[in-house]
Amino acid sequence: MLPVRCYSCNKVLGHLEEDLNEWKEKHPGQPLLGFYEEFRIARLCCRKILLTYHNEDNLAHQHTVAEIPSSVRLQPSTKFPQLYKAV
Protein backbone atom coordinates (compact mmCIF):
# COMPACT_ATOMS: atom_id res chain seq x y z
CA MET A 1 0.00 0.00 0.00
CA LEU A 2 1.37 3.34 -1.03
CA PRO A 3 1.57 5.97 1.74
CA VAL A 4 -1.01 8.73 1.41
CA ARG A 5 1.61 11.46 1.88
CA CYS A 6 5.36 11.73 1.56
CA TYR A 7 7.05 11.37 4.94
CA SER A 8 9.40 14.32 4.39
CA CYS A 9 7.63 16.98 2.35
CA ASN A 10 3.99 15.97 2.99
CA LYS A 11 3.10 15.86 -0.74
CA VAL A 12 0.03 13.74 -1.52
CA LEU A 13 1.10 10.48 -3.22
CA GLY A 14 -1.72 8.04 -2.42
CA HIS A 15 -3.70 8.81 -5.55
CA LEU A 16 -0.81 7.59 -7.73
CA GLU A 17 -0.98 3.94 -6.67
CA GLU A 18 -3.16 2.69 -9.55
CA ASP A 19 -1.26 4.77 -12.10
CA LEU A 20 2.06 3.43 -10.80
CA ASN A 21 0.88 -0.19 -11.00
CA GLU A 22 -0.38 0.33 -14.56
CA TRP A 23 2.87 2.02 -15.58
CA LYS A 24 4.93 -0.84 -14.14
CA GLU A 25 2.82 -3.37 -16.08
CA LYS A 26 3.28 -1.45 -19.35
CA HIS A 27 7.02 -0.85 -18.82
CA PRO A 28 8.41 -3.89 -16.98
CA GLY A 29 12.00 -3.60 -15.85
CA GLN A 30 12.38 0.03 -16.91
CA PRO A 31 13.41 2.82 -14.52
CA LEU A 32 10.66 5.09 -13.20
CA LEU A 33 12.08 8.27 -14.73
CA GLY A 34 9.27 8.40 -17.30
CA PHE A 35 6.67 8.03 -14.57
CA TYR A 36 8.29 10.80 -12.53
CA GLU A 37 8.23 13.15 -15.52
CA GLU A 38 4.66 12.28 -16.48
CA PHE A 39 3.31 12.95 -12.98
CA ARG A 40 5.77 15.76 -12.15
CA ILE A 41 7.47 14.07 -9.20
CA ALA A 42 10.59 16.20 -8.74
CA ARG A 43 11.59 15.80 -5.10
CA LEU A 44 13.95 12.97 -4.19
CA CYS A 45 12.01 12.11 -1.04
CA CYS A 46 8.84 11.42 -3.08
CA ARG A 47 10.80 9.52 -5.72
CA LYS A 48 12.28 7.29 -3.04
CA ILE A 49 8.84 6.37 -1.73
CA LEU A 50 7.57 5.53 -5.22
CA LEU A 51 10.75 3.65 -6.09
CA THR A 52 10.58 1.40 -3.03
CA TYR A 53 6.83 0.74 -3.31
CA HIS A 54 5.79 -2.76 -4.35
CA ASN A 55 2.35 -4.22 -4.81
CA GLU A 56 2.01 -7.20 -2.48
CA ASP A 57 -0.72 -8.72 -4.65
CA ASN A 58 1.93 -9.45 -7.28
CA LEU A 59 4.27 -11.07 -4.77
CA ALA A 60 1.85 -13.31 -2.90
CA HIS A 61 0.66 -16.62 -4.29
CA GLN A 62 -1.79 -18.79 -2.43
CA HIS A 63 -1.02 -22.47 -2.39
CA THR A 64 -2.96 -25.48 -1.27
CA VAL A 65 -1.53 -27.35 1.69
CA ALA A 66 -0.61 -30.26 -0.61
CA GLU A 67 1.69 -28.00 -2.69
CA ILE A 68 3.82 -26.93 0.29
CA PRO A 69 7.07 -28.93 0.73
CA SER A 70 7.17 -31.31 3.68
CA SER A 71 10.11 -29.38 5.14
CA VAL A 72 7.80 -26.41 5.84
CA ARG A 73 5.75 -26.77 9.01
CA LEU A 74 2.31 -25.14 9.01
CA GLN A 75 -0.06 -24.45 11.82
CA PRO A 76 -3.08 -26.78 11.70
CA SER A 77 -5.44 -23.82 11.23
CA THR A 78 -3.73 -22.67 7.99
CA LYS A 79 -6.01 -23.30 5.02
CA PHE A 80 -4.43 -21.07 2.35
CA PRO A 81 -0.74 -20.43 3.08
CA GLN A 82 0.94 -17.54 1.24
CA LEU A 83 4.55 -17.73 0.17
CA TYR A 84 6.45 -14.60 -0.82
CA LYS A 85 9.18 -14.72 -3.42
CA ALA A 86 12.26 -12.57 -3.02
CA VAL A 87 12.62 -9.85 -5.60
PDB file of N, CA and C in Angstrom:
ATOM      1  N   MET A   1       0.843  -1.167   0.000  1.00  0.00           N
ATOM      2  CA  MET A   1       0.000   0.000   0.000  1.00  0.00           C
ATOM      3  C   MET A   1       0.896   1.240   0.000  1.00  0.00           C
ATOM      4  N   LEU A   2       0.604   2.114  -0.899  1.00  0.00           N
ATOM      5  CA  LEU A   2       1.372   3.345  -1.034  1.00  0.00           C
ATOM      6  C   LEU A   2       0.969   4.326   0.059  1.00  0.00           C
ATOM      7  N   PRO A   3       1.936   4.981   0.714  1.00  0.00           N
ATOM      8  CA  PRO A   3       1.568   5.967   1.740  1.00  0.00           C
ATOM      9  C   PRO A   3       0.740   7.102   1.124  1.00  0.00           C
ATOM     10  N   VAL A   4      -0.162   7.648   1.899  1.00  0.00           N
ATOM     11  CA  VAL A   4      -1.012   8.729   1.411  1.00  0.00           C
ATOM     12  C   VAL A   4      -0.185   9.980   1.149  1.00  0.00           C
ATOM     13  N   ARG A   5       0.767  10.268   2.021  1.00  0.00           N
ATOM     14  CA  ARG A   5       1.607  11.457   1.878  1.00  0.00           C
ATOM     15  C   ARG A   5       3.075  11.075   2.011  1.00  0.00           C
ATOM     16  N   CYS A   6       3.913  11.903   1.421  1.00  0.00           N
ATOM     17  CA  CYS A   6       5.358  11.734   1.565  1.00  0.00           C
ATOM     18  C   CYS A   6       5.733  12.005   3.016  1.00  0.00           C
ATOM     19  N   TYR A   7       6.667  11.222   3.542  1.00  0.00           N
ATOM     20  CA  TYR A   7       7.051  11.374   4.940  1.00  0.00           C
ATOM     21  C   TYR A   7       7.817  12.669   5.189  1.00  0.00           C
ATOM     22  N   SER A   8       8.556  13.143   4.201  1.00  0.00           N
ATOM     23  CA  SER A   8       9.399  14.316   4.389  1.00  0.00           C
ATOM     24  C   SER A   8       8.721  15.626   4.039  1.00  0.00           C
ATOM     25  N   CYS A   9       8.158  15.700   2.827  1.00  0.00           N
ATOM     26  CA  CYS A   9       7.631  16.982   2.350  1.00  0.00           C
ATOM     27  C   CYS A   9       6.113  17.081   2.433  1.00  0.00           C
ATOM     28  N   ASN A  10       5.442  15.992   2.777  1.00  0.00           N
ATOM     29  CA  ASN A  10       3.995  15.972   2.987  1.00  0.00           C
ATOM     30  C   ASN A  10       3.194  16.101   1.685  1.00  0.00           C
ATOM     31  N   LYS A  11       3.812  15.830   0.535  1.00  0.00           N
ATOM     32  CA  LYS A  11       3.098  15.862  -0.738  1.00  0.00           C
ATOM     33  C   LYS A  11       2.183  14.647  -0.834  1.00  0.00           C
ATOM     34  N   VAL A  12       0.995  14.828  -1.384  1.00  0.00           N
ATOM     35  CA  VAL A  12       0.032  13.738  -1.523  1.00  0.00           C
ATOM     36  C   VAL A  12       0.509  12.790  -2.618  1.00  0.00           C
ATOM     37  N   LEU A  13       0.647  11.494  -2.280  1.00  0.00           N
ATOM     38  CA  LEU A  13       1.095  10.475  -3.224  1.00  0.00           C
ATOM     39  C   LEU A  13       0.108   9.318  -3.361  1.00  0.00           C
ATOM     40  N   GLY A  14      -0.830   9.195  -2.456  1.00  0.00           N
ATOM     41  CA  GLY A  14      -1.719   8.038  -2.420  1.00  0.00           C
ATOM     42  C   GLY A  14      -2.540   7.847  -3.669  1.00  0.00           C
ATOM     43  N   HIS A  15      -2.869   8.930  -4.355  1.00  0.00           N
ATOM     44  CA  HIS A  15      -3.702   8.813  -5.550  1.00  0.00           C
ATOM     45  C   HIS A  15      -2.935   8.247  -6.746  1.00  0.00           C
ATOM     46  N   LEU A  16      -1.627   8.084  -6.631  1.00  0.00           N
ATOM     47  CA  LEU A  16      -0.807   7.593  -7.730  1.00  0.00           C
ATOM     48  C   LEU A  16      -0.644   6.079  -7.748  1.00  0.00           C
ATOM     49  N   GLU A  17      -1.217   5.377  -6.788  1.00  0.00           N
ATOM     50  CA  GLU A  17      -0.984   3.938  -6.670  1.00  0.00           C
ATOM     51  C   GLU A  17      -1.443   3.168  -7.906  1.00  0.00           C
ATOM     52  N   GLU A  18      -2.657   3.410  -8.373  1.00  0.00           N
ATOM     53  CA  GLU A  18      -3.163   2.693  -9.548  1.00  0.00           C
ATOM     54  C   GLU A  18      -2.362   3.058 -10.795  1.00  0.00           C
ATOM     55  N   ASP A  19      -2.044   4.337 -10.944  1.00  0.00           N
ATOM     56  CA  ASP A  19      -1.263   4.768 -12.100  1.00  0.00           C
ATOM     57  C   ASP A  19       0.126   4.140 -12.089  1.00  0.00           C
ATOM     58  N   LEU A  20       0.730   4.037 -10.916  1.00  0.00           N
ATOM     59  CA  LEU A  20       2.059   3.429 -10.800  1.00  0.00           C
ATOM     60  C   LEU A  20       2.016   1.952 -11.154  1.00  0.00           C
ATOM     61  N   ASN A  21       0.998   1.233 -10.668  1.00  0.00           N
ATOM     62  CA  ASN A  21       0.880  -0.189 -10.995  1.00  0.00           C
ATOM     63  C   ASN A  21       0.666  -0.395 -12.494  1.00  0.00           C
ATOM     64  N   GLU A  22      -0.162   0.432 -13.119  1.00  0.00           N
ATOM     65  CA  GLU A  22      -0.384   0.333 -14.559  1.00  0.00           C
ATOM     66  C   GLU A  22       0.895   0.641 -15.331  1.00  0.00           C
ATOM     67  N   TRP A  23       1.636   1.658 -14.902  1.00  0.00           N
ATOM     68  CA  TRP A  23       2.867   2.024 -15.580  1.00  0.00           C
ATOM     69  C   TRP A  23       3.894   0.897 -15.488  1.00  0.00           C
ATOM     70  N   LYS A  24       3.978   0.263 -14.309  1.00  0.00           N
ATOM     71  CA  LYS A  24       4.926  -0.841 -14.135  1.00  0.00           C
ATOM     72  C   LYS A  24       4.549  -2.041 -15.005  1.00  0.00           C
ATOM     73  N   GLU A  25       3.247  -2.271 -15.217  1.00  0.00           N
ATOM     74  CA  GLU A  25       2.820  -3.370 -16.084  1.00  0.00           C
ATOM     75  C   GLU A  25       3.154  -3.076 -17.548  1.00  0.00           C
ATOM     76  N   LYS A  26       2.999  -1.824 -17.965  1.00  0.00           N
ATOM     77  CA  LYS A  26       3.277  -1.446 -19.355  1.00  0.00           C
ATOM     78  C   LYS A  26       4.762  -1.363 -19.648  1.00  0.00           C
ATOM     79  N   HIS A  27       5.571  -1.039 -18.645  1.00  0.00           N
ATOM     80  CA  HIS A  27       7.017  -0.846 -18.823  1.00  0.00           C
ATOM     81  C   HIS A  27       7.788  -1.720 -17.835  1.00  0.00           C
ATOM     82  N   PRO A  28       7.721  -3.040 -17.957  1.00  0.00           N
ATOM     83  CA  PRO A  28       8.408  -3.892 -16.977  1.00  0.00           C
ATOM     84  C   PRO A  28       9.929  -3.765 -17.070  1.00  0.00           C
ATOM     85  N   GLY A  29      10.547  -3.659 -15.919  1.00  0.00           N
ATOM     86  CA  GLY A  29      12.000  -3.602 -15.846  1.00  0.00           C
ATOM     87  C   GLY A  29      12.625  -2.266 -16.196  1.00  0.00           C
ATOM     88  N   GLN A  30      11.836  -1.267 -16.563  1.00  0.00           N
ATOM     89  CA  GLN A  30      12.381   0.033 -16.905  1.00  0.00           C
ATOM     90  C   GLN A  30      12.419   0.938 -15.680  1.00  0.00           C
ATOM     91  N   PRO A  31      13.370   1.881 -15.645  1.00  0.00           N
ATOM     92  CA  PRO A  31      13.408   2.821 -14.522  1.00  0.00           C
ATOM     93  C   PRO A  31      12.163   3.711 -14.515  1.00  0.00           C
ATOM     94  N   LEU A  32      11.871   4.286 -13.365  1.00  0.00           N
ATOM     95  CA  LEU A  32      10.659   5.086 -13.197  1.00  0.00           C
ATOM     96  C   LEU A  32      10.814   6.536 -13.640  1.00  0.00           C
ATOM     97  N   LEU A  33      11.868   6.883 -14.338  1.00  0.00           N
ATOM     98  CA  LEU A  33      12.079   8.274 -14.730  1.00  0.00           C
ATOM     99  C   LEU A  33      10.931   8.807 -15.584  1.00  0.00           C
ATOM    100  N   GLY A  34      10.403   7.980 -16.481  1.00  0.00           N
ATOM    101  CA  GLY A  34       9.273   8.399 -17.302  1.00  0.00           C
ATOM    102  C   GLY A  34       8.026   8.655 -16.471  1.00  0.00           C
ATOM    103  N   PHE A  35       7.817   7.833 -15.460  1.00  0.00           N
ATOM    104  CA  PHE A  35       6.672   8.032 -14.566  1.00  0.00           C
ATOM    105  C   PHE A  35       6.834   9.324 -13.784  1.00  0.00           C
ATOM    106  N   TYR A  36       8.043   9.576 -13.290  1.00  0.00           N
ATOM    107  CA  TYR A  36       8.294  10.800 -12.535  1.00  0.00           C
ATOM    108  C   TYR A  36       8.030  12.041 -13.384  1.00  0.00           C
ATOM    109  N   GLU A  37       8.456  12.003 -14.629  1.00  0.00           N
ATOM    110  CA  GLU A  37       8.234  13.149 -15.517  1.00  0.00           C
ATOM    111  C   GLU A  37       6.756  13.328 -15.845  1.00  0.00           C
ATOM    112  N   GLU A  38       6.079  12.217 -16.120  1.00  0.00           N
ATOM    113  CA  GLU A  38       4.661  12.284 -16.485  1.00  0.00           C
ATOM    114  C   GLU A  38       3.811  12.864 -15.366  1.00  0.00           C
ATOM    115  N   PHE A  39       4.104  12.500 -14.128  1.00  0.00           N
ATOM    116  CA  PHE A  39       3.308  12.946 -12.984  1.00  0.00           C
ATOM    117  C   PHE A  39       4.001  14.056 -12.187  1.00  0.00           C
ATOM    118  N   ARG A  40       5.059  14.616 -12.731  1.00  0.00           N
ATOM    119  CA  ARG A  40       5.766  15.760 -12.147  1.00  0.00           C
ATOM    120  C   ARG A  40       6.211  15.508 -10.702  1.00  0.00           C
ATOM    121  N   ILE A  41       6.893  14.399 -10.510  1.00  0.00           N
ATOM    122  CA  ILE A  41       7.465  14.071  -9.201  1.00  0.00           C
ATOM    123  C   ILE A  41       8.934  14.497  -9.247  1.00  0.00           C
ATOM    124  N   ALA A  42       9.250  15.639  -8.640  1.00  0.00           N
ATOM    125  CA  ALA A  42      10.589  16.200  -8.742  1.00  0.00           C
ATOM    126  C   ALA A  42      11.434  15.966  -7.494  1.00  0.00           C
ATOM    127  N   ARG A  43      10.826  15.903  -6.348  1.00  0.00           N
ATOM    128  CA  ARG A  43      11.593  15.798  -5.101  1.00  0.00           C
ATOM    129  C   ARG A  43      12.114  14.370  -4.900  1.00  0.00           C
ATOM    130  N   LEU A  44      13.326  14.276  -4.402  1.00  0.00           N
ATOM    131  CA  LEU A  44      13.945  12.975  -4.191  1.00  0.00           C
ATOM    132  C   LEU A  44      13.246  12.165  -3.109  1.00  0.00           C
ATOM    133  N   CYS A  45      12.684  12.838  -2.113  1.00  0.00           N
ATOM    134  CA  CYS A  45      12.008  12.107  -1.040  1.00  0.00           C
ATOM    135  C   CYS A  45      10.767  11.383  -1.591  1.00  0.00           C
ATOM    136  N   CYS A  46      10.022  12.037  -2.469  1.00  0.00           N
ATOM    137  CA  CYS A  46       8.841  11.420  -3.076  1.00  0.00           C
ATOM    138  C   CYS A  46       9.248  10.310  -4.036  1.00  0.00           C
ATOM    139  N   ARG A  47      10.319  10.541  -4.794  1.00  0.00           N
ATOM    140  CA  ARG A  47      10.801   9.524  -5.723  1.00  0.00           C
ATOM    141  C   ARG A  47      11.233   8.271  -4.988  1.00  0.00           C
ATOM    142  N   LYS A  48      11.836   8.448  -3.824  1.00  0.00           N
ATOM    143  CA  LYS A  48      12.285   7.294  -3.037  1.00  0.00           C
ATOM    144  C   LYS A  48      11.094   6.449  -2.590  1.00  0.00           C
ATOM    145  N   ILE A  49      10.027   7.109  -2.172  1.00  0.00           N
ATOM    146  CA  ILE A  49       8.839   6.373  -1.733  1.00  0.00           C
ATOM    147  C   ILE A  49       8.241   5.592  -2.892  1.00  0.00           C
ATOM    148  N   LEU A  50       8.132   6.217  -4.063  1.00  0.00           N
ATOM    149  CA  LEU A  50       7.568   5.534  -5.224  1.00  0.00           C
ATOM    150  C   LEU A  50       8.497   4.442  -5.729  1.00  0.00           C
ATOM    151  N   LEU A  51       9.791   4.641  -5.626  1.00  0.00           N
ATOM    152  CA  LEU A  51      10.751   3.649  -6.095  1.00  0.00           C
ATOM    153  C   LEU A  51      10.716   2.393  -5.230  1.00  0.00           C
ATOM    154  N   THR A  52      10.550   2.549  -3.936  1.00  0.00           N
ATOM    155  CA  THR A  52      10.578   1.402  -3.029  1.00  0.00           C
ATOM    156  C   THR A  52       9.220   0.750  -2.830  1.00  0.00           C
ATOM    157  N   TYR A  53       8.172   1.307  -3.431  1.00  0.00           N
ATOM    158  CA  TYR A  53       6.831   0.740  -3.305  1.00  0.00           C
ATOM    159  C   TYR A  53       6.734  -0.538  -4.129  1.00  0.00           C
ATOM    160  N   HIS A  54       6.099  -1.551  -3.589  1.00  0.00           N
ATOM    161  CA  HIS A  54       5.785  -2.756  -4.350  1.00  0.00           C
ATOM    162  C   HIS A  54       4.372  -3.198  -4.004  1.00  0.00           C
ATOM    163  N   ASN A  55       3.715  -3.745  -4.980  1.00  0.00           N
ATOM    164  CA  ASN A  55       2.351  -4.216  -4.807  1.00  0.00           C
ATOM    165  C   ASN A  55       2.413  -5.650  -4.283  1.00  0.00           C
ATOM    166  N   GLU A  56       1.922  -5.875  -3.084  1.00  0.00           N
ATOM    167  CA  GLU A  56       2.009  -7.200  -2.479  1.00  0.00           C
ATOM    168  C   GLU A  56       1.131  -8.218  -3.179  1.00  0.00           C
ATOM    169  N   ASP A  57       0.125  -7.773  -3.914  1.00  0.00           N
ATOM    170  CA  ASP A  57      -0.717  -8.717  -4.649  1.00  0.00           C
ATOM    171  C   ASP A  57       0.082  -9.454  -5.713  1.00  0.00           C
ATOM    172  N   ASN A  58       1.092  -8.804  -6.269  1.00  0.00           N
ATOM    173  CA  ASN A  58       1.928  -9.446  -7.282  1.00  0.00           C
ATOM    174  C   ASN A  58       2.918 -10.419  -6.665  1.00  0.00           C
ATOM    175  N   LEU A  59       3.255 -10.243  -5.405  1.00  0.00           N
ATOM    176  CA  LEU A  59       4.271 -11.075  -4.767  1.00  0.00           C
ATOM    177  C   LEU A  59       3.700 -12.287  -4.058  1.00  0.00           C
ATOM    178  N   ALA A  60       2.443 -12.223  -3.672  1.00  0.00           N
ATOM    179  CA  ALA A  60       1.851 -13.315  -2.902  1.00  0.00           C
ATOM    180  C   ALA A  60       1.181 -14.312  -3.839  1.00  0.00           C
ATOM    181  N   HIS A  61       1.327 -15.573  -3.532  1.00  0.00           N
ATOM    182  CA  HIS A  61       0.658 -16.620  -4.290  1.00  0.00           C
ATOM    183  C   HIS A  61       0.103 -17.616  -3.292  1.00  0.00           C
ATOM    184  N   GLN A  62      -1.182 -17.842  -3.363  1.00  0.00           N
ATOM    185  CA  GLN A  62      -1.786 -18.786  -2.428  1.00  0.00           C
ATOM    186  C   GLN A  62      -1.594 -20.204  -2.954  1.00  0.00           C
ATOM    187  N   HIS A  63      -1.239 -21.074  -2.053  1.00  0.00           N
ATOM    188  CA  HIS A  63      -1.019 -22.473  -2.386  1.00  0.00           C
ATOM    189  C   HIS A  63      -1.986 -23.327  -1.587  1.00  0.00           C
ATOM    190  N   THR A  64      -2.232 -24.515  -2.084  1.00  0.00           N
ATOM    191  CA  THR A  64      -2.958 -25.483  -1.273  1.00  0.00           C
ATOM    192  C   THR A  64      -1.944 -26.131  -0.340  1.00  0.00           C
ATOM    193  N   VAL A  65      -2.421 -26.730   0.712  1.00  0.00           N
ATOM    194  CA  VAL A  65      -1.526 -27.348   1.690  1.00  0.00           C
ATOM    195  C   VAL A  65      -0.729 -28.476   1.042  1.00  0.00           C
ATOM    196  N   ALA A  66      -1.299 -29.159   0.052  1.00  0.00           N
ATOM    197  CA  ALA A  66      -0.605 -30.265  -0.608  1.00  0.00           C
ATOM    198  C   ALA A  66       0.596 -29.778  -1.429  1.00  0.00           C
ATOM    199  N   GLU A  67       0.601 -28.528  -1.876  1.00  0.00           N
ATOM    200  CA  GLU A  67       1.694 -27.999  -2.695  1.00  0.00           C
ATOM    201  C   GLU A  67       2.901 -27.551  -1.875  1.00  0.00           C
ATOM    202  N   ILE A  68       2.747 -27.406  -0.577  1.00  0.00           N
ATOM    203  CA  ILE A  68       3.825 -26.933   0.286  1.00  0.00           C
ATOM    204  C   ILE A  68       4.792 -28.087   0.562  1.00  0.00           C
ATOM    205  N   PRO A  69       6.102 -27.865   0.447  1.00  0.00           N
ATOM    206  CA  PRO A  69       7.066 -28.934   0.725  1.00  0.00           C
ATOM    207  C   PRO A  69       6.932 -29.450   2.156  1.00  0.00           C
ATOM    208  N   SER A  70       7.307 -30.693   2.353  1.00  0.00           N
ATOM    209  CA  SER A  70       7.172 -31.309   3.677  1.00  0.00           C
ATOM    210  C   SER A  70       8.128 -30.685   4.690  1.00  0.00           C
ATOM    211  N   SER A  71       9.164 -30.003   4.231  1.00  0.00           N
ATOM    212  CA  SER A  71      10.110 -29.377   5.143  1.00  0.00           C
ATOM    213  C   SER A  71       9.543 -28.115   5.799  1.00  0.00           C
ATOM    214  N   VAL A  72       8.429 -27.601   5.283  1.00  0.00           N
ATOM    215  CA  VAL A  72       7.796 -26.409   5.836  1.00  0.00           C
ATOM    216  C   VAL A  72       6.691 -26.849   6.784  1.00  0.00           C
ATOM    217  N   ARG A  73       6.782 -26.415   8.031  1.00  0.00           N
ATOM    218  CA  ARG A  73       5.751 -26.766   9.006  1.00  0.00           C
ATOM    219  C   ARG A  73       4.692 -25.672   9.026  1.00  0.00           C
ATOM    220  N   LEU A  74       3.435 -26.073   8.983  1.00  0.00           N
ATOM    221  CA  LEU A  74       2.312 -25.144   9.009  1.00  0.00           C
ATOM    222  C   LEU A  74       1.499 -25.360  10.269  1.00  0.00           C
ATOM    223  N   GLN A  75       0.860 -24.303  10.714  1.00  0.00           N
ATOM    224  CA  GLN A  75      -0.061 -24.447  11.821  1.00  0.00           C
ATOM    225  C   GLN A  75      -1.297 -25.189  11.318  1.00  0.00           C
ATOM    226  N   PRO A  76      -1.921 -26.003  12.152  1.00  0.00           N
ATOM    227  CA  PRO A  76      -3.082 -26.781  11.700  1.00  0.00           C
ATOM    228  C   PRO A  76      -4.234 -25.909  11.188  1.00  0.00           C
ATOM    229  N   SER A  77      -4.338 -24.681  11.638  1.00  0.00           N
ATOM    230  CA  SER A  77      -5.443 -23.822  11.229  1.00  0.00           C
ATOM    231  C   SER A  77      -5.222 -23.154   9.871  1.00  0.00           C
ATOM    232  N   THR A  78      -4.044 -23.338   9.249  1.00  0.00           N
ATOM    233  CA  THR A  78      -3.729 -22.675   7.989  1.00  0.00           C
ATOM    234  C   THR A  78      -4.402 -23.396   6.832  1.00  0.00           C
ATOM    235  N   LYS A  79      -5.330 -22.704   6.167  1.00  0.00           N
ATOM    236  CA  LYS A  79      -6.012 -23.301   5.020  1.00  0.00           C
ATOM    237  C   LYS A  79      -5.368 -22.873   3.701  1.00  0.00           C
ATOM    238  N   PHE A  80      -5.009 -21.597   3.578  1.00  0.00           N
ATOM    239  CA  PHE A  80      -4.432 -21.066   2.354  1.00  0.00           C
ATOM    240  C   PHE A  80      -3.118 -20.348   2.689  1.00  0.00           C
ATOM    241  N   PRO A  81      -2.013 -21.080   2.754  1.00  0.00           N
ATOM    242  CA  PRO A  81      -0.736 -20.435   3.076  1.00  0.00           C
ATOM    243  C   PRO A  81      -0.277 -19.543   1.917  1.00  0.00           C
ATOM    244  N   GLN A  82       0.394 -18.452   2.249  1.00  0.00           N
ATOM    245  CA  GLN A  82       0.942 -17.544   1.244  1.00  0.00           C
ATOM    246  C   GLN A  82       2.461 -17.562   1.345  1.00  0.00           C
ATOM    247  N   LEU A  83       3.101 -17.775   0.233  1.00  0.00           N
ATOM    248  CA  LEU A  83       4.550 -17.727   0.171  1.00  0.00           C
ATOM    249  C   LEU A  83       4.946 -16.502  -0.611  1.00  0.00           C
ATOM    250  N   TYR A  84       5.973 -15.805  -0.155  1.00  0.00           N
ATOM    251  CA  TYR A  84       6.450 -14.599  -0.820  1.00  0.00           C
ATOM    252  C   TYR A  84       7.785 -14.894  -1.478  1.00  0.00           C
ATOM    253  N   LYS A  85       7.909 -14.501  -2.728  1.00  0.00           N
ATOM    254  CA  LYS A  85       9.176 -14.717  -3.421  1.00  0.00           C
ATOM    255  C   LYS A  85      10.044 -13.479  -3.273  1.00  0.00           C
ATOM    256  N   ALA A  86      11.332 -13.689  -3.146  1.00  0.00           N
ATOM    257  CA  ALA A  86      12.259 -12.572  -3.017  1.00  0.00           C
ATOM    258  C   ALA A  86      12.431 -11.904  -4.364  1.00  0.00           C
ATOM    259  N   VAL A  87      12.479 -10.593  -4.351  1.00  0.00           N
ATOM    260  CA  VAL A  87      12.618  -9.845  -5.600  1.00  0.00           C
ATOM    261  C   VAL A  87      13.936  -9.130  -5.625  1.00  0.00           C
TER     262      VAL A  87
END
